[in-house]
Amino acid sequence: MKLLFIYNANTGFLNSALDSAHKFISPKTYNCNLCSLTHGNFKENKLWKSFRESVNIDLEFYHKNEFEQSYNYKTNYPIVLKVEGNQLFTVLSSNDLNQITSTKSLILKLETLIKP
């Protein structure tokens, strides 16, 4: 199994700087809860990093422009998808991710969803 995590952000230094500023100045209006759950203003969340490094499945992370270019697929972001064969299945939709309020809750949700 492989999970794809697609952030509602584009690549690039300027985009990254603007996203960080937005997250810091007005976190409640920041439009990527996945970013907020997995990263602080300047670096990856320690709890998330520990989970990411310990899980026994493939995890891939994309900015939305990278994902759309690689998979020729558009959707609402952020999103977590599962790859099975040549198909993509939604694990956590944008709405699901927006309901999650902590990194710990995200991890617990993912652990429940990825159990065999």
PDB file of N, CA and C in Angstrom:
ATOM      1  N   MET A   1       0.852  -1.180   0.000  1.00  0.00           N
ATOM      2  CA  MET A   1       0.000   0.000   0.000  1.00  0.00           C
ATOM      3  C   MET A   1       0.894   1.238   0.000  1.00  0.00           C
ATOM      4  N   LYS A   2       0.412   2.253  -0.691  1.00  0.00           N
ATOM      5  CA  LYS A   2       1.095   3.541  -0.709  1.00  0.00           C
ATOM      6  C   LYS A   2       0.069   4.631  -0.448  1.00  0.00           C
ATOM      7  N   LEU A   3       0.431   5.570   0.415  1.00  0.00           N
ATOM      8  CA  LEU A   3      -0.431   6.727   0.675  1.00  0.00           C
ATOM      9  C   LEU A   3       0.215   7.969   0.098  1.00  0.00           C
ATOM     10  N   LEU A   4      -0.604   8.785  -0.542  1.00  0.00           N
ATOM     11  CA  LEU A   4      -0.170  10.064  -1.091  1.00  0.00           C
ATOM     12  C   LEU A   4      -0.798  11.172  -0.262  1.00  0.00           C
ATOM     13  N   PHE A   5       0.028  12.081   0.195  1.00  0.00           N
ATOM     14  CA  PHE A   5      -0.424  13.242   0.953  1.00  0.00           C
ATOM     15  C   PHE A   5      -0.230  14.449   0.051  1.00  0.00           C
ATOM     16  N   ILE A   6      -1.322  15.110  -0.302  1.00  0.00           N
ATOM     17  CA  ILE A   6      -1.227  16.245  -1.209  1.00  0.00           C
ATOM     18  C   ILE A   6      -1.661  17.501  -0.451  1.00  0.00           C
ATOM     19  N   TYR A   7      -0.709  18.418  -0.340  1.00  0.00           N
ATOM     20  CA  TYR A   7      -0.945  19.681   0.354  1.00  0.00           C
ATOM     21  C   TYR A   7      -1.645  20.683  -0.557  1.00  0.00           C
ATOM     22  N   ASN A   8      -2.409  21.561   0.024  1.00  0.00           N
ATOM     23  CA  ASN A   8      -3.077  22.626  -0.726  1.00  0.00           C
ATOM     24  C   ASN A   8      -2.135  23.825  -0.821  1.00  0.00           C
ATOM     25  N   ALA A   9      -0.997  23.568  -1.436  1.00  0.00           N
ATOM     26  CA  ALA A   9       0.035  24.589  -1.602  1.00  0.00           C
ATOM     27  C   ALA A   9       0.860  24.222  -2.829  1.00  0.00           C
ATOM     28  N   ASN A  10       1.460  25.209  -3.441  1.00  0.00           N
ATOM     29  CA  ASN A  10       2.323  24.979  -4.598  1.00  0.00           C
ATOM     30  C   ASN A  10       3.784  25.055  -4.177  1.00  0.00           C
ATOM     31  N   THR A  11       4.650  24.480  -4.994  1.00  0.00           N
ATOM     32  CA  THR A  11       6.082  24.510  -4.725  1.00  0.00           C
ATOM     33  C   THR A  11       6.647  25.900  -4.988  1.00  0.00           C
ATOM     34  N   GLY A  12       7.849  26.107  -4.502  1.00  0.00           N
ATOM     35  CA  GLY A  12       8.565  27.350  -4.780  1.00  0.00           C
ATOM     36  C   GLY A  12       8.820  28.151  -3.527  1.00  0.00           C
ATOM     37  N   PHE A  13       9.933  28.869  -3.533  1.00  0.00           N
ATOM     38  CA  PHE A  13      10.350  29.653  -2.372  1.00  0.00           C
ATOM     39  C   PHE A  13       9.310  30.704  -1.993  1.00  0.00           C
ATOM     40  N   LEU A  14       8.813  31.453  -2.978  1.00  0.00           N
ATOM     41  CA  LEU A  14       7.851  32.510  -2.690  1.00  0.00           C
ATOM     42  C   LEU A  14       6.558  31.931  -2.114  1.00  0.00           C
ATOM     43  N   ASN A  15       6.066  30.845  -2.734  1.00  0.00           N
ATOM     44  CA  ASN A  15       4.855  30.210  -2.209  1.00  0.00           C
ATOM     45  C   ASN A  15       5.066  29.721  -0.781  1.00  0.00           C
ATOM     46  N   SER A  16       6.209  29.128  -0.519  1.00  0.00           N
ATOM     47  CA  SER A  16       6.526  28.637   0.821  1.00  0.00           C
ATOM     48  C   SER A  16       6.576  29.781   1.831  1.00  0.00           C
ATOM     49  N   ALA A  17       7.207  30.873   1.456  1.00  0.00           N
ATOM     50  CA  ALA A  17       7.298  32.025   2.356  1.00  0.00           C
ATOM     51  C   ALA A  17       5.919  32.612   2.640  1.00  0.00           C
ATOM     52  N   LEU A  18       5.097  32.732   1.607  1.00  0.00           N
ATOM     53  CA  LEU A  18       3.745  33.266   1.798  1.00  0.00           C
ATOM     54  C   LEU A  18       2.897  32.342   2.665  1.00  0.00           C
ATOM     55  N   ASP A  19       3.024  31.029   2.429  1.00  0.00           N
ATOM     56  CA  ASP A  19       2.281  30.066   3.239  1.00  0.00           C
ATOM     57  C   ASP A  19       2.692  30.149   4.703  1.00  0.00           C
ATOM     58  N   SER A  20       3.988  30.219   4.962  1.00  0.00           N
ATOM     59  CA  SER A  20       4.474  30.310   6.342  1.00  0.00           C
ATOM     60  C   SER A  20       3.965  31.575   7.019  1.00  0.00           C
ATOM     61  N   ALA A  21       4.008  32.669   6.295  1.00  0.00           N
ATOM     62  CA  ALA A  21       3.520  33.930   6.851  1.00  0.00           C
ATOM     63  C   ALA A  21       2.027  33.849   7.152  1.00  0.00           C
ATOM     64  N   HIS A  22       1.264  33.292   6.233  1.00  0.00           N
ATOM     65  CA  HIS A  22      -0.178  33.165   6.424  1.00  0.00           C
ATOM     66  C   HIS A  22      -0.476  32.281   7.637  1.00  0.00           C
ATOM     67  N   LYS A  23       0.232  31.162   7.746  1.00  0.00           N
ATOM     68  CA  LYS A  23       0.036  30.250   8.867  1.00  0.00           C
ATOM     69  C   LYS A  23       0.340  30.936  10.202  1.00  0.00           C
ATOM     70  N   PHE A  24       1.354  31.786  10.206  1.00  0.00           N
ATOM     71  CA  PHE A  24       1.773  32.464  11.425  1.00  0.00           C
ATOM     72  C   PHE A  24       0.824  33.613  11.790  1.00  0.00           C
ATOM     73  N   ILE A  25       0.460  34.418  10.793  1.00  0.00           N
ATOM     74  CA  ILE A  25      -0.343  35.615  11.033  1.00  0.00           C
ATOM     75  C   ILE A  25      -1.814  35.285  11.262  1.00  0.00           C
ATOM     76  N   SER A  26      -2.337  34.366  10.460  1.00  0.00           N
ATOM     77  CA  SER A  26      -3.765  34.058  10.546  1.00  0.00           C
ATOM     78  C   SER A  26      -4.019  32.563  10.373  1.00  0.00           C
ATOM     79  N   PRO A  27      -3.648  31.758  11.363  1.00  0.00           N
ATOM     80  CA  PRO A  27      -3.759  30.308  11.224  1.00  0.00           C
ATOM     81  C   PRO A  27      -5.184  29.802  10.982  1.00  0.00           C
ATOM     82  N   LYS A  28      -6.177  30.508  11.502  1.00  0.00           N
ATOM     83  CA  LYS A  28      -7.560  30.048  11.321  1.00  0.00           C
ATOM     84  C   LYS A  28      -8.047  30.182   9.879  1.00  0.00           C
ATOM     85  N   THR A  29      -7.417  31.041   9.091  1.00  0.00           N
ATOM     86  CA  THR A  29      -7.844  31.217   7.697  1.00  0.00           C
ATOM     87  C   THR A  29      -6.889  30.541   6.718  1.00  0.00           C
ATOM     88  N   TYR A  30      -5.871  29.850   7.230  1.00  0.00           N
ATOM     89  CA  TYR A  30      -4.939  29.146   6.352  1.00  0.00           C
ATOM     90  C   TYR A  30      -5.659  27.979   5.707  1.00  0.00           C
ATOM     91  N   ASN A  31      -5.501  27.806   4.395  1.00  0.00           N
ATOM     92  CA  ASN A  31      -6.338  26.859   3.648  1.00  0.00           C
ATOM     93  C   ASN A  31      -5.739  25.468   3.458  1.00  0.00           C
ATOM     94  N   CYS A  32      -4.753  25.092   4.264  1.00  0.00           N
ATOM     95  CA  CYS A  32      -4.220  23.737   4.183  1.00  0.00           C
ATOM     96  C   CYS A  32      -4.042  23.173   5.589  1.00  0.00           C
ATOM     97  N   ASN A  33      -5.095  22.527   6.081  1.00  0.00           N
ATOM     98  CA  ASN A  33      -5.019  21.955   7.413  1.00  0.00           C
ATOM     99  C   ASN A  33      -3.990  20.832   7.476  1.00  0.00           C
ATOM    100  N   LEU A  34      -3.769  20.124   6.373  1.00  0.00           N
ATOM    101  CA  LEU A  34      -2.736  19.084   6.351  1.00  0.00           C
ATOM    102  C   LEU A  34      -1.367  19.700   6.630  1.00  0.00           C
ATOM    103  N   CYS A  35      -1.093  20.843   6.038  1.00  0.00           N
ATOM    104  CA  CYS A  35       0.169  21.557   6.312  1.00  0.00           C
ATOM    105  C   CYS A  35       0.250  21.926   7.790  1.00  0.00           C
ATOM    106  N   SER A  36      -0.825  22.433   8.324  1.00  0.00           N
ATOM    107  CA  SER A  36      -0.840  22.865   9.723  1.00  0.00           C
ATOM    108  C   SER A  36      -0.656  21.690  10.679  1.00  0.00           C
ATOM    109  N   LEU A  37      -1.184  20.532  10.314  1.00  0.00           N
ATOM    110  CA  LEU A  37      -1.087  19.353  11.175  1.00  0.00           C
ATOM    111  C   LEU A  37       0.292  18.704  11.127  1.00  0.00           C
ATOM    112  N   THR A  38       0.977  18.786  10.007  1.00  0.00           N
ATOM    113  CA  THR A  38       2.245  18.079   9.839  1.00  0.00           C
ATOM    114  C   THR A  38       3.473  18.978   9.978  1.00  0.00           C
ATOM    115  N   HIS A  39       3.269  20.281   9.900  1.00  0.00           N
ATOM    116  CA  HIS A  39       4.397  21.213   9.958  1.00  0.00           C
ATOM    117  C   HIS A  39       4.053  22.416  10.823  1.00  0.00           C
ATOM    118  N   GLY A  40       5.050  22.901  11.528  1.00  0.00           N
ATOM    119  CA  GLY A  40       4.923  24.164  12.230  1.00  0.00           C
ATOM    120  C   GLY A  40       5.189  25.277  11.230  1.00  0.00           C
ATOM    121  N   ASN A  41       5.509  26.446  11.730  1.00  0.00           N
ATOM    122  CA  ASN A  41       5.781  27.568  10.835  1.00  0.00           C
ATOM    123  C   ASN A  41       7.060  27.387  10.037  1.00  0.00           C
ATOM    124  N   PHE A  42       8.029  26.684  10.607  1.00  0.00           N
ATOM    125  CA  PHE A  42       9.331  26.605   9.946  1.00  0.00           C
ATOM    126  C   PHE A  42       9.865  25.195   9.746  1.00  0.00           C
ATOM    127  N   LYS A  43       9.287  24.199  10.430  1.00  0.00           N
ATOM    128  CA  LYS A  43       9.804  22.845  10.268  1.00  0.00           C
ATOM    129  C   LYS A  43       8.719  21.813  10.542  1.00  0.00           C
ATOM    130  N   GLU A  44       9.052  20.564  10.249  1.00  0.00           N
ATOM    131  CA  GLU A  44       8.125  19.460  10.418  1.00  0.00           C
ATOM    132  C   GLU A  44       7.820  19.231  11.904  1.00  0.00           C
ATOM    133  N   ASN A  45       6.565  18.946  12.195  1.00  0.00           N
ATOM    134  CA  ASN A  45       6.115  18.632  13.545  1.00  0.00           C
ATOM    135  C   ASN A  45       6.831  17.363  14.024  1.00  0.00           C
ATOM    136  N   LYS A  46       7.381  17.366  15.244  1.00  0.00           N
ATOM    137  CA  LYS A  46       8.160  16.228  15.757  1.00  0.00           C
ATOM    138  C   LYS A  46       7.331  14.955  15.876  1.00  0.00           C
ATOM    139  N   LEU A  47       6.115  15.063  16.358  1.00  0.00           N
ATOM    140  CA  LEU A  47       5.240  13.901  16.492  1.00  0.00           C
ATOM    141  C   LEU A  47       4.937  13.308  15.119  1.00  0.00           C
ATOM    142  N   TRP A  48       4.645  14.165  14.154  1.00  0.00           N
ATOM    143  CA  TRP A  48       4.375  13.712  12.789  1.00  0.00           C
ATOM    144  C   TRP A  48       5.612  13.040  12.192  1.00  0.00           C
ATOM    145  N   LYS A  49       6.767  13.638  12.388  1.00  0.00           N
ATOM    146  CA  LYS A  49       8.003  13.079  11.835  1.00  0.00           C
ATOM    147  C   LYS A  49       8.258  11.689  12.410  1.00  0.00           C
ATOM    148  N   SER A  50       8.044  11.529  13.686  1.00  0.00           N
ATOM    149  CA  SER A  50       8.230  10.230  14.327  1.00  0.00           C
ATOM    150  C   SER A  50       7.276   9.194  13.737  1.00  0.00           C
ATOM    151  N   PHE A  51       6.019   9.571  13.561  1.00  0.00           N
ATOM    152  CA  PHE A  51       5.054   8.666  12.934  1.00  0.00           C
ATOM    153  C   PHE A  51       5.481   8.318  11.515  1.00  0.00           C
ATOM    154  N   ARG A  52       5.810   9.318  10.739  1.00  0.00           N
ATOM    155  CA  ARG A  52       6.196   9.127   9.338  1.00  0.00           C
ATOM    156  C   ARG A  52       7.386   8.180   9.217  1.00  0.00           C
ATOM    157  N   GLU A  53       8.347   8.319  10.094  1.00  0.00           N
ATOM    158  CA  GLU A  53       9.542   7.482  10.040  1.00  0.00           C
ATOM    159  C   GLU A  53       9.317   6.070  10.571  1.00  0.00           C
ATOM    160  N   SER A  54       8.255   5.857  11.337  1.00  0.00           N
ATOM    161  CA  SER A  54       8.028   4.543  11.951  1.00  0.00           C
ATOM    162  C   SER A  54       7.014   3.673  11.207  1.00  0.00           C
ATOM    163  N   VAL A  55       6.209   4.262  10.368  1.00  0.00           N
ATOM    164  CA  VAL A  55       5.152   3.500   9.702  1.00  0.00           C
ATOM    165  C   VAL A  55       5.749   2.587   8.617  1.00  0.00           C
ATOM    166  N   ASN A  56       5.160   1.420   8.449  1.00  0.00           N
ATOM    167  CA  ASN A  56       5.689   0.428   7.523  1.00  0.00           C
ATOM    168  C   ASN A  56       4.985   0.406   6.176  1.00  0.00           C
ATOM    169  N   ILE A  57       4.553   1.545   5.710  1.00  0.00           N
ATOM    170  CA  ILE A  57       3.988   1.647   4.361  1.00  0.00           C
ATOM    171  C   ILE A  57       4.644   2.824   3.658  1.00  0.00           C
ATOM    172  N   ASP A  58       4.550   2.823   2.331  1.00  0.00           N
ATOM    173  CA  ASP A  58       5.123   3.921   1.558  1.00  0.00           C
ATOM    174  C   ASP A  58       4.261   5.170   1.700  1.00  0.00           C
ATOM    175  N   LEU A  59       4.905   6.272   2.004  1.00  0.00           N
ATOM    176  CA  LEU A  59       4.241   7.566   2.085  1.00  0.00           C
ATOM    177  C   LEU A  59       4.925   8.493   1.097  1.00  0.00           C
ATOM    178  N   GLU A  60       4.132   9.159   0.275  1.00  0.00           N
ATOM    179  CA  GLU A  60       4.665  10.153  -0.651  1.00  0.00           C
ATOM    180  C   GLU A  60       3.946  11.471  -0.412  1.00  0.00           C
ATOM    181  N   PHE A  61       4.703  12.550  -0.513  1.00  0.00           N
ATOM    182  CA  PHE A  61       4.172  13.877  -0.209  1.00  0.00           C
ATOM    183  C   PHE A  61       4.329  14.767  -1.431  1.00  0.00           C
ATOM    184  N   TYR A  62       3.248  15.496  -1.754  1.00  0.00           N
ATOM    185  CA  TYR A  62       3.236  16.350  -2.929  1.00  0.00           C
ATOM    186  C   TYR A  62       2.630  17.700  -2.597  1.00  0.00           C
ATOM    187  N   HIS A  63       3.121  18.725  -3.264  1.00  0.00           N
ATOM    188  CA  HIS A  63       2.385  19.975  -3.360  1.00  0.00           C
ATOM    189  C   HIS A  63       1.383  19.753  -4.492  1.00  0.00           C
ATOM    190  N   LYS A  64       0.298  20.513  -4.504  1.00  0.00           N
ATOM    191  CA  LYS A  64      -0.761  20.233  -5.478  1.00  0.00           C
ATOM    192  C   LYS A  64      -0.283  20.334  -6.922  1.00  0.00           C
ATOM    193  N   ASN A  65       0.590  21.282  -7.243  1.00  0.00           N
ATOM    194  CA  ASN A  65       1.046  21.386  -8.634  1.00  0.00           C
ATOM    195  C   ASN A  65       1.915  20.194  -9.022  1.00  0.00           C
ATOM    196  N   GLU A  66       2.722  19.672  -8.100  1.00  0.00           N
ATOM    197  CA  GLU A  66       3.534  18.481  -8.376  1.00  0.00           C
ATOM    198  C   GLU A  66       2.640  17.259  -8.590  1.00  0.00           C
ATOM    199  N   PHE A  67       1.636  17.109  -7.734  1.00  0.00           N
ATOM    200  CA  PHE A  67       0.726  15.975  -7.830  1.00  0.00           C
ATOM    201  C   PHE A  67      -0.036  15.996  -9.149  1.00  0.00           C
ATOM    202  N   GLU A  68      -0.594  17.145  -9.501  1.00  0.00           N
ATOM    203  CA  GLU A  68      -1.369  17.240 -10.742  1.00  0.00           C
ATOM    204  C   GLU A  68      -0.501  16.943 -11.955  1.00  0.00           C
ATOM    205  N   GLN A  69       0.742  17.380 -11.929  1.00  0.00           N
ATOM    206  CA  GLN A  69       1.649  17.104 -13.034  1.00  0.00           C
ATOM    207  C   GLN A  69       2.011  15.609 -13.083  1.00  0.00           C
ATOM    208  N   SER A  70       2.259  14.997 -11.952  1.00  0.00           N
ATOM    209  CA  SER A  70       2.662  13.588 -11.905  1.00  0.00           C
ATOM    210  C   SER A  70       1.517  12.629 -12.207  1.00  0.00           C
ATOM    211  N   TYR A  71       0.330  12.944 -11.721  1.00  0.00           N
ATOM    212  CA  TYR A  71      -0.793  12.013 -11.824  1.00  0.00           C
ATOM    213  C   TYR A  71      -1.871  12.451 -12.807  1.00  0.00           C
ATOM    214  N   ASN A  72      -1.757  13.651 -13.362  1.00  0.00           N
ATOM    215  CA  ASN A  72      -2.774  14.175 -14.279  1.00  0.00           C
ATOM    216  C   ASN A  72      -4.173  14.018 -13.660  1.00  0.00           C
ATOM    217  N   TYR A  73      -4.299  14.497 -12.442  1.00  0.00           N
ATOM    218  CA  TYR A  73      -5.504  14.311 -11.653  1.00  0.00           C
ATOM    219  C   TYR A  73      -5.712  15.570 -10.825  1.00  0.00           C
ATOM    220  N   LYS A  74      -6.944  16.064 -10.796  1.00  0.00           N
ATOM    221  CA  LYS A  74      -7.273  17.238  -9.985  1.00  0.00           C
ATOM    222  C   LYS A  74      -8.399  16.886  -9.028  1.00  0.00           C
ATOM    223  N   THR A  75      -8.333  17.494  -7.854  1.00  0.00           N
ATOM    224  CA  THR A  75      -9.333  17.240  -6.824  1.00  0.00           C
ATOM    225  C   THR A  75      -9.337  18.420  -5.859  1.00  0.00           C
ATOM    226  N   ASN A  76     -10.073  18.323  -4.781  1.00  0.00           N
ATOM    227  CA  ASN A  76     -10.020  19.332  -3.721  1.00  0.00           C
ATOM    228  C   ASN A  76      -8.864  18.993  -2.796  1.00  0.00           C
ATOM    229  N   TYR A  77      -8.115  19.997  -2.425  1.00  0.00           N
ATOM    230  CA  TYR A  77      -6.937  19.813  -1.580  1.00  0.00           C
ATOM    231  C   TYR A  77      -7.138  20.509  -0.246  1.00  0.00           C
ATOM    232  N   PRO A  78      -6.472  20.047   0.776  1.00  0.00           N
ATOM    233  CA  PRO A  78      -5.566  18.913   0.862  1.00  0.00           C
ATOM    234  C   PRO A  78      -6.333  17.604   0.843  1.00  0.00           C
ATOM    235  N   ILE A  79      -5.616  16.519   0.608  1.00  0.00           N
ATOM    236  CA  ILE A  79      -6.242  15.202   0.532  1.00  0.00           C
ATOM    237  C   ILE A  79      -5.185  14.133   0.785  1.00  0.00           C
ATOM    238  N   VAL A  80      -5.640  12.990   1.287  1.00  0.00           N
ATOM    239  CA  VAL A  80      -4.787  11.819   1.421  1.00  0.00           C
ATOM    240  C   VAL A  80      -5.419  10.728   0.565  1.00  0.00           C
ATOM    241  N   LEU A  81      -4.616  10.174  -0.340  1.00  0.00           N
ATOM    242  CA  LEU A  81      -5.095   9.145  -1.261  1.00  0.00           C
ATOM    243  C   LEU A  81      -4.320   7.853  -1.053  1.00  0.00           C
ATOM    244  N   LYS A  82      -4.965   6.753  -1.359  1.00  0.00           N
ATOM    245  CA  LYS A  82      -4.319   5.445  -1.342  1.00  0.00           C
ATOM    246  C   LYS A  82      -4.162   4.998  -2.786  1.00  0.00           C
ATOM    247  N   VAL A  83      -2.985   4.463  -3.115  1.00  0.00           N
ATOM    248  CA  VAL A  83      -2.727   3.938  -4.450  1.00  0.00           C
ATOM    249  C   VAL A  83      -2.846   2.424  -4.385  1.00  0.00           C
ATOM    250  N   GLU A  84      -3.727   1.887  -5.210  1.00  0.00           N
ATOM    251  CA  GLU A  84      -3.855   0.432  -5.364  1.00  0.00           C
ATOM    252  C   GLU A  84      -3.867   0.147  -6.846  1.00  0.00           C
ATOM    253  N   GLY A  85      -2.835  -0.584  -7.294  1.00  0.00           N
ATOM    254  CA  GLY A  85      -2.700  -0.806  -8.728  1.00  0.00           C
ATOM    255  C   GLY A  85      -2.503   0.526  -9.408  1.00  0.00           C
ATOM    256  N   ASN A  86      -3.337   0.810 -10.387  1.00  0.00           N
ATOM    257  CA  ASN A  86      -3.285   2.096 -11.087  1.00  0.00           C
ATOM    258  C   ASN A  86      -4.411   3.032 -10.669  1.00  0.00           C
ATOM    259  N   GLN A  87      -5.049   2.733  -9.534  1.00  0.00           N
ATOM    260  CA  GLN A  87      -6.186   3.526  -9.108  1.00  0.00           C
ATOM    261  C   GLN A  87      -5.883   4.294  -7.825  1.00  0.00           C
ATOM    262  N   LEU A  88      -6.543   5.440  -7.682  1.00  0.00           N
ATOM    263  CA  LEU A  88      -6.437   6.276  -6.493  1.00  0.00           C
ATOM    264  C   LEU A  88      -7.755   6.231  -5.734  1.00  0.00           C
ATOM    265  N   PHE A  89      -7.653   6.052  -4.426  1.00  0.00           N
ATOM    266  CA  PHE A  89      -8.831   6.020  -3.570  1.00  0.00           C
ATOM    267  C   PHE A  89      -8.640   7.032  -2.440  1.00  0.00           C
ATOM    268  N   THR A  90      -9.697   7.749  -2.111  1.00  0.00           N
ATOM    269  CA  THR A  90      -9.627   8.744  -1.047  1.00  0.00           C
ATOM    270  C   THR A  90      -9.582   8.065   0.315  1.00  0.00           C
ATOM    271  N   VAL A  91      -8.592   8.427   1.102  1.00  0.00           N
ATOM    272  CA  VAL A  91      -8.469   7.963   2.477  1.00  0.00           C
ATOM    273  C   VAL A  91      -9.018   9.040   3.412  1.00  0.00           C
ATOM    274  N   LEU A  92      -8.546  10.268   3.220  1.00  0.00           N
ATOM    275  CA  LEU A  92      -9.052  11.420   3.971  1.00  0.00           C
ATOM    276  C   LEU A  92      -9.288  12.561   2.985  1.00  0.00           C
ATOM    277  N   SER A  93     -10.525  12.975   2.873  1.00  0.00           N
ATOM    278  CA  SER A  93     -10.870  14.071   1.967  1.00  0.00           C
ATOM    279  C   SER A  93     -10.468  15.409   2.584  1.00  0.00           C
ATOM    280  N   SER A  94     -10.602  16.432   1.799  1.00  0.00           N
ATOM    281  CA  SER A  94     -10.350  17.787   2.290  1.00  0.00           C
ATOM    282  C   SER A  94     -11.255  18.087   3.486  1.00  0.00           C
ATOM    283  N   ASN A  95     -12.511  17.714   3.383  1.00  0.00           N
ATOM    284  CA  ASN A  95     -13.449  17.935   4.500  1.00  0.00           C
ATOM    285  C   ASN A  95     -13.030  17.158   5.736  1.00  0.00           C
ATOM    286  N   ASP A  96     -12.602  15.894   5.538  1.00  0.00           N
ATOM    287  CA  ASP A  96     -12.129  15.094   6.676  1.00  0.00           C
ATOM    288  C   ASP A  96     -10.953  15.768   7.357  1.00  0.00           C
ATOM    289  N   LEU A  97      -9.970  16.179   6.547  1.00  0.00           N
ATOM    290  CA  LEU A  97      -8.765  16.804   7.102  1.00  0.00           C
ATOM    291  C   LEU A  97      -9.087  18.105   7.826  1.00  0.00           C
ATOM    292  N   ASN A  98     -10.057  18.839   7.334  1.00  0.00           N
ATOM    293  CA  ASN A  98     -10.423  20.098   7.979  1.00  0.00           C
ATOM    294  C   ASN A  98     -11.114  19.897   9.321  1.00  0.00           C
ATOM    295  N   GLN A  99     -11.606  18.693   9.587  1.00  0.00           N
ATOM    296  CA  GLN A  99     -12.244  18.383  10.867  1.00  0.00           C
ATOM    297  C   GLN A  99     -11.239  17.923  11.920  1.00  0.00           C
ATOM    298  N   ILE A 100     -10.031  17.559  11.504  1.00  0.00           N
ATOM    299  CA  ILE A 100      -9.008  17.062  12.425  1.00  0.00           C
ATOM    300  C   ILE A 100      -8.316  18.256  13.085  1.00  0.00           C
ATOM    301  N   THR A 101      -8.225  18.213  14.397  1.00  0.00           N
ATOM    302  CA  THR A 101      -7.745  19.388  15.128  1.00  0.00           C
ATOM    303  C   THR A 101      -6.343  19.258  15.712  1.00  0.00           C
ATOM    304  N   SER A 102      -5.749  18.067  15.632  1.00  0.00           N
ATOM    305  CA  SER A 102      -4.403  17.916  16.188  1.00  0.00           C
ATOM    306  C   SER A 102      -3.617  16.875  15.396  1.00  0.00           C
ATOM    307  N   THR A 103      -2.315  16.960  15.504  1.00  0.00           N
ATOM    308  CA  THR A 103      -1.441  15.991  14.847  1.00  0.00           C
ATOM    309  C   THR A 103      -1.708  14.597  15.391  1.00  0.00           C
ATOM    310  N   LYS A 104      -1.889  14.495  16.690  1.00  0.00           N
ATOM    311  CA  LYS A 104      -2.172  13.202  17.311  1.00  0.00           C
ATOM    312  C   LYS A 104      -3.462  12.601  16.743  1.00  0.00           C
ATOM    313  N   SER A 105      -4.485  13.415  16.566  1.00  0.00           N
ATOM    314  CA  SER A 105      -5.744  12.927  15.990  1.00  0.00           C
ATOM    315  C   SER A 105      -5.552  12.451  14.553  1.00  0.00           C
ATOM    316  N   LEU A 106      -4.744  13.161  13.784  1.00  0.00           N
ATOM    317  CA  LEU A 106      -4.446  12.742  12.411  1.00  0.00           C
ATOM    318  C   LEU A 106      -3.767  11.382  12.422  1.00  0.00           C
ATOM    319  N   ILE A 107      -2.784  11.217  13.280  1.00  0.00           N
ATOM    320  CA  ILE A 107      -2.054   9.956  13.355  1.00  0.00           C
ATOM    321  C   ILE A 107      -2.975   8.814  13.766  1.00  0.00           C
ATOM    322  N   LEU A 108      -3.806   9.027  14.769  1.00  0.00           N
ATOM    323  CA  LEU A 108      -4.745   7.988  15.207  1.00  0.00           C
ATOM    324  C   LEU A 108      -5.709   7.603  14.096  1.00  0.00           C
ATOM    325  N   LYS A 109      -6.193   8.594  13.362  1.00  0.00           N
ATOM    326  CA  LYS A 109      -7.104   8.345  12.240  1.00  0.00           C
ATOM    327  C   LYS A 109      -6.395   7.512  11.165  1.00  0.00           C
ATOM    328  N   LEU A 110      -5.175   7.894  10.825  1.00  0.00           N
ATOM    329  CA  LEU A 110      -4.422   7.153   9.805  1.00  0.00           C
ATOM    330  C   LEU A 110      -4.118   5.736  10.265  1.00  0.00           C
ATOM    331  N   GLU A 111      -3.753   5.566  11.518  1.00  0.00           N
ATOM    332  CA  GLU A 111      -3.467   4.225  12.033  1.00  0.00           C
ATOM    333  C   GLU A 111      -4.698   3.328  11.932  1.00  0.00           C
ATOM    334  N   THR A 112      -5.862   3.888  12.221  1.00  0.00           N
ATOM    335  CA  THR A 112      -7.102   3.128  12.104  1.00  0.00           C
ATOM    336  C   THR A 112      -7.390   2.755  10.655  1.00  0.00           C
ATOM    337  N   LEU A 113      -7.142   3.681   9.745  1.00  0.00           N
ATOM    338  CA  LEU A 113      -7.467   3.458   8.331  1.00  0.00           C
ATOM    339  C   LEU A 113      -6.490   2.525   7.623  1.00  0.00           C
ATOM    340  N   ILE A 114      -5.251   2.442   8.102  1.00  0.00           N
ATOM    341  CA  ILE A 114      -4.257   1.643   7.381  1.00  0.00           C
ATOM    342  C   ILE A 114      -4.023   0.277   8.003  1.00  0.00           C
ATOM    343  N   LYS A 115      -4.728  -0.038   9.080  1.00  0.00           N
ATOM    344  CA  LYS A 115      -4.589  -1.380   9.670  1.00  0.00           C
ATOM    345  C   LYS A 115      -5.042  -2.410   8.646  1.00  0.00           C
ATOM    346  N   PRO A 116      -4.298  -3.536   8.566  1.00  0.00           N
ATOM    347  CA  PRO A 116      -4.695  -4.594   7.616  1.00  0.00           C
ATOM    348  C   PRO A 116      -6.010  -5.242   7.976  1.00  0.00           C
TER     349      PRO A 116
END
